[in-house]
Amino acid sequence: MEKLTNKEEEIMRILWDLKKAFVKEVIAEIPDESLHYNTVSTIIRNLEDKGYVGHKAYGKTHQYFPVVSKEDYRKQFMKMATNRFFDNSYKNVVSFFAREEKISAEELREILELIEKKK
């Protein structure tokens, strides 16, 4: 799976929420009003080239939809980040969040319970 730019991720989040959309519908959901129709259309076509988006044609108009689920992207993103920044160790990921005080002891206990239940 190819890495997405920030704008591509923003468009994908919109498509995941909408399930399917025409370019104008995507534009209506973008907070940055400076993006023009052609720019958004190009980003969506790039997402299609990368295999993230498909379309259904209605004459010259296309309705786009996600081909890659949000969950699959999340898994790939975490795998890539874990490999790149945490020596491929999920223990290092959790330790990082604990040191940064982004995760509580109670949340860690809940994670342990989830792990134990899967055994």
N, C-alpha and C. Protein backbone atom coordinates (compact mmCIF):
# COMPACT_ATOMS: atom_id res chain seq x y z
N MET A 1 0.85 -1.17 0.00
CA MET A 1 0.00 0.00 0.00
C MET A 1 0.89 1.24 0.00
N GLU A 2 0.63 2.13 -0.90
CA GLU A 2 1.44 3.34 -1.04
C GLU A 2 1.03 4.38 0.00
N LYS A 3 2.02 5.09 0.54
CA LYS A 3 1.78 6.13 1.54
C LYS A 3 0.98 7.28 0.91
N LEU A 4 0.10 7.86 1.70
CA LEU A 4 -0.72 8.97 1.22
C LEU A 4 -0.19 10.30 1.74
N THR A 5 -0.39 11.35 0.95
CA THR A 5 -0.06 12.70 1.40
C THR A 5 -1.15 13.14 2.39
N ASN A 6 -0.90 14.24 3.08
CA ASN A 6 -1.89 14.76 4.04
C ASN A 6 -3.22 15.08 3.35
N LYS A 7 -3.16 15.70 2.19
CA LYS A 7 -4.39 16.04 1.45
C LYS A 7 -5.12 14.78 1.00
N GLU A 8 -4.36 13.77 0.54
CA GLU A 8 -4.98 12.51 0.13
C GLU A 8 -5.68 11.84 1.32
N GLU A 9 -5.02 11.88 2.48
CA GLU A 9 -5.65 11.32 3.68
C GLU A 9 -6.92 12.07 4.03
N GLU A 10 -6.89 13.37 3.90
CA GLU A 10 -8.07 14.20 4.19
C GLU A 10 -9.23 13.80 3.27
N ILE A 11 -8.94 13.63 1.99
CA ILE A 11 -9.97 13.23 1.02
C ILE A 11 -10.47 11.82 1.34
N MET A 12 -9.55 10.91 1.69
CA MET A 12 -9.96 9.54 2.03
C MET A 12 -10.87 9.55 3.25
N ARG A 13 -10.57 10.35 4.27
CA ARG A 13 -11.44 10.41 5.46
C ARG A 13 -12.85 10.85 5.06
N ILE A 14 -12.94 11.78 4.14
CA ILE A 14 -14.24 12.24 3.66
C ILE A 14 -14.95 11.10 2.92
N LEU A 15 -14.23 10.41 2.04
CA LEU A 15 -14.85 9.31 1.29
C LEU A 15 -15.25 8.16 2.21
N TRP A 16 -14.44 7.87 3.23
CA TRP A 16 -14.84 6.83 4.19
C TRP A 16 -16.13 7.23 4.90
N ASP A 17 -16.24 8.51 5.25
CA ASP A 17 -17.46 8.97 5.93
C ASP A 17 -18.67 8.94 5.01
N LEU A 18 -18.49 9.41 3.78
CA LEU A 18 -19.62 9.52 2.84
C LEU A 18 -19.96 8.19 2.16
N LYS A 19 -19.01 7.25 2.13
CA LYS A 19 -19.15 5.94 1.47
C LYS A 19 -19.03 6.03 -0.06
N LYS A 20 -19.65 7.03 -0.67
CA LYS A 20 -19.52 7.30 -2.11
C LYS A 20 -19.88 8.76 -2.33
N ALA A 21 -19.22 9.38 -3.31
CA ALA A 21 -19.45 10.81 -3.50
C ALA A 21 -18.93 11.27 -4.85
N PHE A 22 -19.59 12.31 -5.36
CA PHE A 22 -19.09 13.04 -6.53
C PHE A 22 -18.10 14.08 -6.01
N VAL A 23 -17.26 14.60 -6.89
CA VAL A 23 -16.23 15.57 -6.48
C VAL A 23 -16.87 16.75 -5.74
N LYS A 24 -18.00 17.25 -6.22
CA LYS A 24 -18.65 18.40 -5.57
C LYS A 24 -19.05 18.08 -4.14
N GLU A 25 -19.46 16.84 -3.89
CA GLU A 25 -19.85 16.44 -2.54
C GLU A 25 -18.63 16.36 -1.63
N VAL A 26 -17.51 15.94 -2.18
CA VAL A 26 -16.26 15.91 -1.41
C VAL A 26 -15.85 17.34 -1.06
N ILE A 27 -15.89 18.22 -2.03
CA ILE A 27 -15.51 19.62 -1.82
C ILE A 27 -16.34 20.25 -0.71
N ALA A 28 -17.62 19.92 -0.66
CA ALA A 28 -18.51 20.48 0.36
C ALA A 28 -18.09 20.10 1.78
N GLU A 29 -17.33 19.01 1.91
CA GLU A 29 -16.90 18.53 3.23
C GLU A 29 -15.50 19.00 3.62
N ILE A 30 -14.80 19.67 2.72
CA ILE A 30 -13.42 20.09 2.98
C ILE A 30 -13.42 21.43 3.70
N PRO A 31 -12.79 21.49 4.88
CA PRO A 31 -12.75 22.76 5.61
C PRO A 31 -11.98 23.85 4.87
N ASP A 32 -10.91 23.46 4.14
CA ASP A 32 -10.09 24.41 3.40
C ASP A 32 -10.80 24.79 2.11
N GLU A 33 -11.43 25.95 2.13
CA GLU A 33 -12.24 26.36 0.97
C GLU A 33 -11.41 26.84 -0.21
N SER A 34 -10.09 26.88 -0.06
CA SER A 34 -9.25 27.36 -1.15
C SER A 34 -8.96 26.28 -2.19
N LEU A 35 -9.36 25.04 -1.93
CA LEU A 35 -9.12 23.96 -2.90
C LEU A 35 -10.16 24.04 -4.02
N HIS A 36 -9.67 24.10 -5.24
CA HIS A 36 -10.55 24.19 -6.40
C HIS A 36 -11.00 22.81 -6.87
N TYR A 37 -12.05 22.79 -7.63
CA TYR A 37 -12.62 21.55 -8.16
C TYR A 37 -11.56 20.71 -8.85
N ASN A 38 -10.77 21.33 -9.73
CA ASN A 38 -9.75 20.58 -10.48
C ASN A 38 -8.70 19.96 -9.56
N THR A 39 -8.34 20.67 -8.50
CA THR A 39 -7.35 20.16 -7.56
C THR A 39 -7.89 18.92 -6.85
N VAL A 40 -9.12 19.01 -6.35
CA VAL A 40 -9.74 17.88 -5.65
C VAL A 40 -9.92 16.72 -6.61
N SER A 41 -10.34 17.00 -7.82
CA SER A 41 -10.52 15.96 -8.83
C SER A 41 -9.20 15.24 -9.11
N THR A 42 -8.12 15.99 -9.20
CA THR A 42 -6.79 15.41 -9.44
C THR A 42 -6.36 14.54 -8.26
N ILE A 43 -6.60 15.02 -7.04
CA ILE A 43 -6.24 14.24 -5.84
C ILE A 43 -7.00 12.92 -5.85
N ILE A 44 -8.29 12.97 -6.17
CA ILE A 44 -9.10 11.75 -6.18
C ILE A 44 -8.61 10.79 -7.27
N ARG A 45 -8.26 11.31 -8.44
CA ARG A 45 -7.73 10.45 -9.50
C ARG A 45 -6.40 9.83 -9.09
N ASN A 46 -5.57 10.59 -8.36
CA ASN A 46 -4.31 10.04 -7.83
C ASN A 46 -4.60 8.91 -6.84
N LEU A 47 -5.61 9.10 -6.00
CA LEU A 47 -6.01 8.05 -5.06
C LEU A 47 -6.47 6.81 -5.82
N GLU A 48 -7.14 7.03 -6.93
CA GLU A 48 -7.59 5.91 -7.76
C GLU A 48 -6.39 5.19 -8.36
N ASP A 49 -5.42 5.96 -8.86
CA ASP A 49 -4.20 5.37 -9.42
C ASP A 49 -3.43 4.56 -8.38
N LYS A 50 -3.47 5.01 -7.13
CA LYS A 50 -2.78 4.31 -6.05
C LYS A 50 -3.57 3.11 -5.54
N GLY A 51 -4.80 2.94 -6.02
CA GLY A 51 -5.59 1.78 -5.63
C GLY A 51 -6.46 1.97 -4.40
N TYR A 52 -6.64 3.20 -3.95
CA TYR A 52 -7.45 3.48 -2.77
C TYR A 52 -8.92 3.75 -3.09
N VAL A 53 -9.18 4.19 -4.32
CA VAL A 53 -10.51 4.66 -4.70
C VAL A 53 -10.90 4.03 -6.02
N GLY A 54 -12.19 3.75 -6.15
CA GLY A 54 -12.75 3.31 -7.42
C GLY A 54 -13.83 4.30 -7.84
N HIS A 55 -14.40 4.10 -9.03
CA HIS A 55 -15.48 5.00 -9.44
C HIS A 55 -16.52 4.27 -10.26
N LYS A 56 -17.69 4.87 -10.30
CA LYS A 56 -18.76 4.43 -11.17
C LYS A 56 -19.07 5.62 -12.07
N ALA A 57 -19.07 5.38 -13.36
CA ALA A 57 -19.29 6.46 -14.33
C ALA A 57 -20.77 6.68 -14.58
N TYR A 58 -21.15 7.93 -14.60
CA TYR A 58 -22.49 8.36 -15.01
C TYR A 58 -22.27 9.36 -16.14
N GLY A 59 -22.15 8.85 -17.35
CA GLY A 59 -21.78 9.71 -18.47
C GLY A 59 -20.37 10.20 -18.25
N LYS A 60 -20.20 11.52 -18.26
CA LYS A 60 -18.87 12.11 -18.04
C LYS A 60 -18.58 12.35 -16.56
N THR A 61 -19.56 12.14 -15.71
CA THR A 61 -19.40 12.36 -14.28
C THR A 61 -19.08 11.05 -13.58
N HIS A 62 -18.21 11.13 -12.59
CA HIS A 62 -17.82 9.93 -11.84
C HIS A 62 -18.21 10.07 -10.38
N GLN A 63 -18.74 8.99 -9.84
CA GLN A 63 -18.99 8.91 -8.41
C GLN A 63 -17.91 8.00 -7.83
N TYR A 64 -17.20 8.50 -6.84
CA TYR A 64 -16.05 7.79 -6.28
C TYR A 64 -16.41 7.09 -4.97
N PHE A 65 -15.70 6.02 -4.69
CA PHE A 65 -15.93 5.26 -3.46
C PHE A 65 -14.61 4.64 -3.01
N PRO A 66 -14.44 4.45 -1.69
CA PRO A 66 -13.20 3.84 -1.19
C PRO A 66 -13.12 2.37 -1.58
N VAL A 67 -11.93 1.93 -1.97
CA VAL A 67 -11.66 0.53 -2.25
C VAL A 67 -10.92 -0.08 -1.06
N VAL A 68 -10.14 0.75 -0.39
CA VAL A 68 -9.41 0.34 0.81
C VAL A 68 -10.20 0.84 2.02
N SER A 69 -10.48 -0.06 2.95
CA SER A 69 -11.23 0.33 4.15
C SER A 69 -10.36 1.17 5.08
N LYS A 70 -11.03 1.94 5.91
CA LYS A 70 -10.33 2.75 6.90
C LYS A 70 -9.52 1.84 7.84
N GLU A 71 -10.08 0.70 8.21
CA GLU A 71 -9.40 -0.24 9.10
C GLU A 71 -8.14 -0.81 8.45
N ASP A 72 -8.22 -1.18 7.17
CA ASP A 72 -7.03 -1.71 6.48
C ASP A 72 -5.95 -0.65 6.38
N TYR A 73 -6.35 0.60 6.11
CA TYR A 73 -5.37 1.69 6.03
C TYR A 73 -4.74 1.92 7.40
N ARG A 74 -5.55 1.92 8.45
CA ARG A 74 -5.06 2.12 9.81
C ARG A 74 -4.02 1.06 10.15
N LYS A 75 -4.31 -0.20 9.84
CA LYS A 75 -3.37 -1.30 10.12
C LYS A 75 -2.05 -1.08 9.39
N GLN A 76 -2.14 -0.73 8.11
CA GLN A 76 -0.93 -0.53 7.31
C GLN A 76 -0.14 0.67 7.81
N PHE A 77 -0.85 1.75 8.17
CA PHE A 77 -0.20 2.96 8.68
C PHE A 77 0.55 2.65 9.98
N MET A 78 -0.10 1.93 10.89
CA MET A 78 0.53 1.60 12.17
C MET A 78 1.72 0.66 11.97
N LYS A 79 1.57 -0.28 11.06
CA LYS A 79 2.68 -1.20 10.77
C LYS A 79 3.89 -0.42 10.24
N MET A 80 3.63 0.51 9.32
CA MET A 80 4.70 1.31 8.73
C MET A 80 5.35 2.22 9.79
N ALA A 81 4.53 2.89 10.60
CA ALA A 81 5.06 3.79 11.63
C ALA A 81 5.84 3.00 12.69
N THR A 82 5.33 1.84 13.06
CA THR A 82 6.01 1.01 14.06
C THR A 82 7.36 0.55 13.54
N ASN A 83 7.38 0.16 12.28
CA ASN A 83 8.63 -0.27 11.66
C ASN A 83 9.62 0.89 11.56
N ARG A 84 9.13 2.03 11.09
CA ARG A 84 10.01 3.16 10.80
C ARG A 84 10.52 3.87 12.06
N PHE A 85 9.65 4.04 13.07
CA PHE A 85 10.01 4.88 14.21
C PHE A 85 10.22 4.13 15.52
N PHE A 86 9.81 2.86 15.59
CA PHE A 86 9.87 2.14 16.86
C PHE A 86 10.57 0.78 16.74
N ASP A 87 11.49 0.67 15.79
CA ASP A 87 12.27 -0.56 15.60
C ASP A 87 11.38 -1.80 15.48
N ASN A 88 10.24 -1.62 14.85
CA ASN A 88 9.29 -2.72 14.59
C ASN A 88 8.80 -3.37 15.89
N SER A 89 8.71 -2.58 16.95
CA SER A 89 8.31 -3.10 18.26
C SER A 89 7.06 -2.37 18.76
N TYR A 90 5.98 -3.12 18.92
CA TYR A 90 4.76 -2.53 19.46
C TYR A 90 4.93 -2.20 20.94
N LYS A 91 5.83 -2.92 21.61
CA LYS A 91 6.16 -2.59 23.00
C LYS A 91 6.74 -1.18 23.06
N ASN A 92 7.61 -0.85 22.10
CA ASN A 92 8.18 0.50 22.05
C ASN A 92 7.11 1.56 21.78
N VAL A 93 6.10 1.21 20.98
CA VAL A 93 5.00 2.14 20.70
C VAL A 93 4.25 2.45 22.00
N VAL A 94 3.86 1.39 22.71
CA VAL A 94 3.11 1.57 23.95
C VAL A 94 3.96 2.31 24.98
N SER A 95 5.24 1.97 25.08
CA SER A 95 6.15 2.66 26.01
C SER A 95 6.23 4.14 25.69
N PHE A 96 6.29 4.47 24.42
CA PHE A 96 6.33 5.87 24.00
C PHE A 96 5.11 6.61 24.52
N PHE A 97 3.92 6.04 24.31
CA PHE A 97 2.70 6.71 24.75
C PHE A 97 2.64 6.80 26.27
N ALA A 98 3.16 5.81 26.97
CA ALA A 98 3.19 5.85 28.43
C ALA A 98 4.12 6.97 28.91
N ARG A 99 5.32 7.04 28.30
CA ARG A 99 6.27 8.10 28.68
C ARG A 99 5.73 9.49 28.38
N GLU A 100 5.00 9.62 27.31
CA GLU A 100 4.43 10.91 26.92
C GLU A 100 3.13 11.22 27.67
N GLU A 101 2.75 10.30 28.55
CA GLU A 101 1.52 10.42 29.34
C GLU A 101 0.28 10.56 28.46
N LYS A 102 0.29 9.80 27.36
CA LYS A 102 -0.85 9.77 26.45
C LYS A 102 -1.74 8.56 26.71
N ILE A 103 -1.28 7.67 27.61
CA ILE A 103 -2.04 6.49 27.96
C ILE A 103 -1.92 6.28 29.47
N SER A 104 -3.04 5.96 30.11
CA SER A 104 -3.05 5.81 31.57
C SER A 104 -2.81 4.36 31.96
N ALA A 105 -2.53 4.16 33.25
CA ALA A 105 -2.35 2.81 33.77
C ALA A 105 -3.65 2.02 33.61
N GLU A 106 -4.78 2.68 33.80
CA GLU A 106 -6.07 2.01 33.63
C GLU A 106 -6.25 1.54 32.18
N GLU A 107 -5.89 2.39 31.22
CA GLU A 107 -5.98 2.00 29.81
C GLU A 107 -5.04 0.83 29.51
N LEU A 108 -3.87 0.84 30.11
CA LEU A 108 -2.93 -0.27 29.91
C LEU A 108 -3.50 -1.57 30.48
N ARG A 109 -4.17 -1.48 31.65
CA ARG A 109 -4.82 -2.67 32.21
C ARG A 109 -5.90 -3.20 31.27
N GLU A 110 -6.67 -2.29 30.66
CA GLU A 110 -7.70 -2.69 29.70
C GLU A 110 -7.07 -3.40 28.49
N ILE A 111 -5.93 -2.89 28.03
CA ILE A 111 -5.22 -3.52 26.91
C ILE A 111 -4.76 -4.92 27.31
N LEU A 112 -4.23 -5.04 28.53
CA LEU A 112 -3.79 -6.36 29.02
C LEU A 112 -4.96 -7.34 29.07
N GLU A 113 -6.13 -6.87 29.51
CA GLU A 113 -7.30 -7.72 29.55
C GLU A 113 -7.67 -8.19 28.14
N LEU A 114 -7.60 -7.28 27.17
CA LEU A 114 -7.89 -7.67 25.78
C LEU A 114 -6.92 -8.74 25.29
N ILE A 115 -5.65 -8.57 25.62
CA ILE A 115 -4.64 -9.55 25.21
C ILE A 115 -4.90 -10.89 25.87
N GLU A 116 -5.18 -10.89 27.17
CA GLU A 116 -5.44 -12.13 27.89
C GLU A 116 -6.67 -12.86 27.35
N LYS A 117 -7.69 -12.13 26.98
CA LYS A 117 -8.92 -12.74 26.46
C LYS A 117 -8.68 -13.43 25.12
N LYS A 118 -7.71 -12.96 24.35
CA LYS A 118 -7.42 -13.54 23.04
C LYS A 118 -6.61 -14.82 23.14
N LYS A 119 -6.01 -15.08 24.30
CA LYS A 119 -5.17 -16.28 24.47
C LYS A 119 -6.01 -17.51 24.67
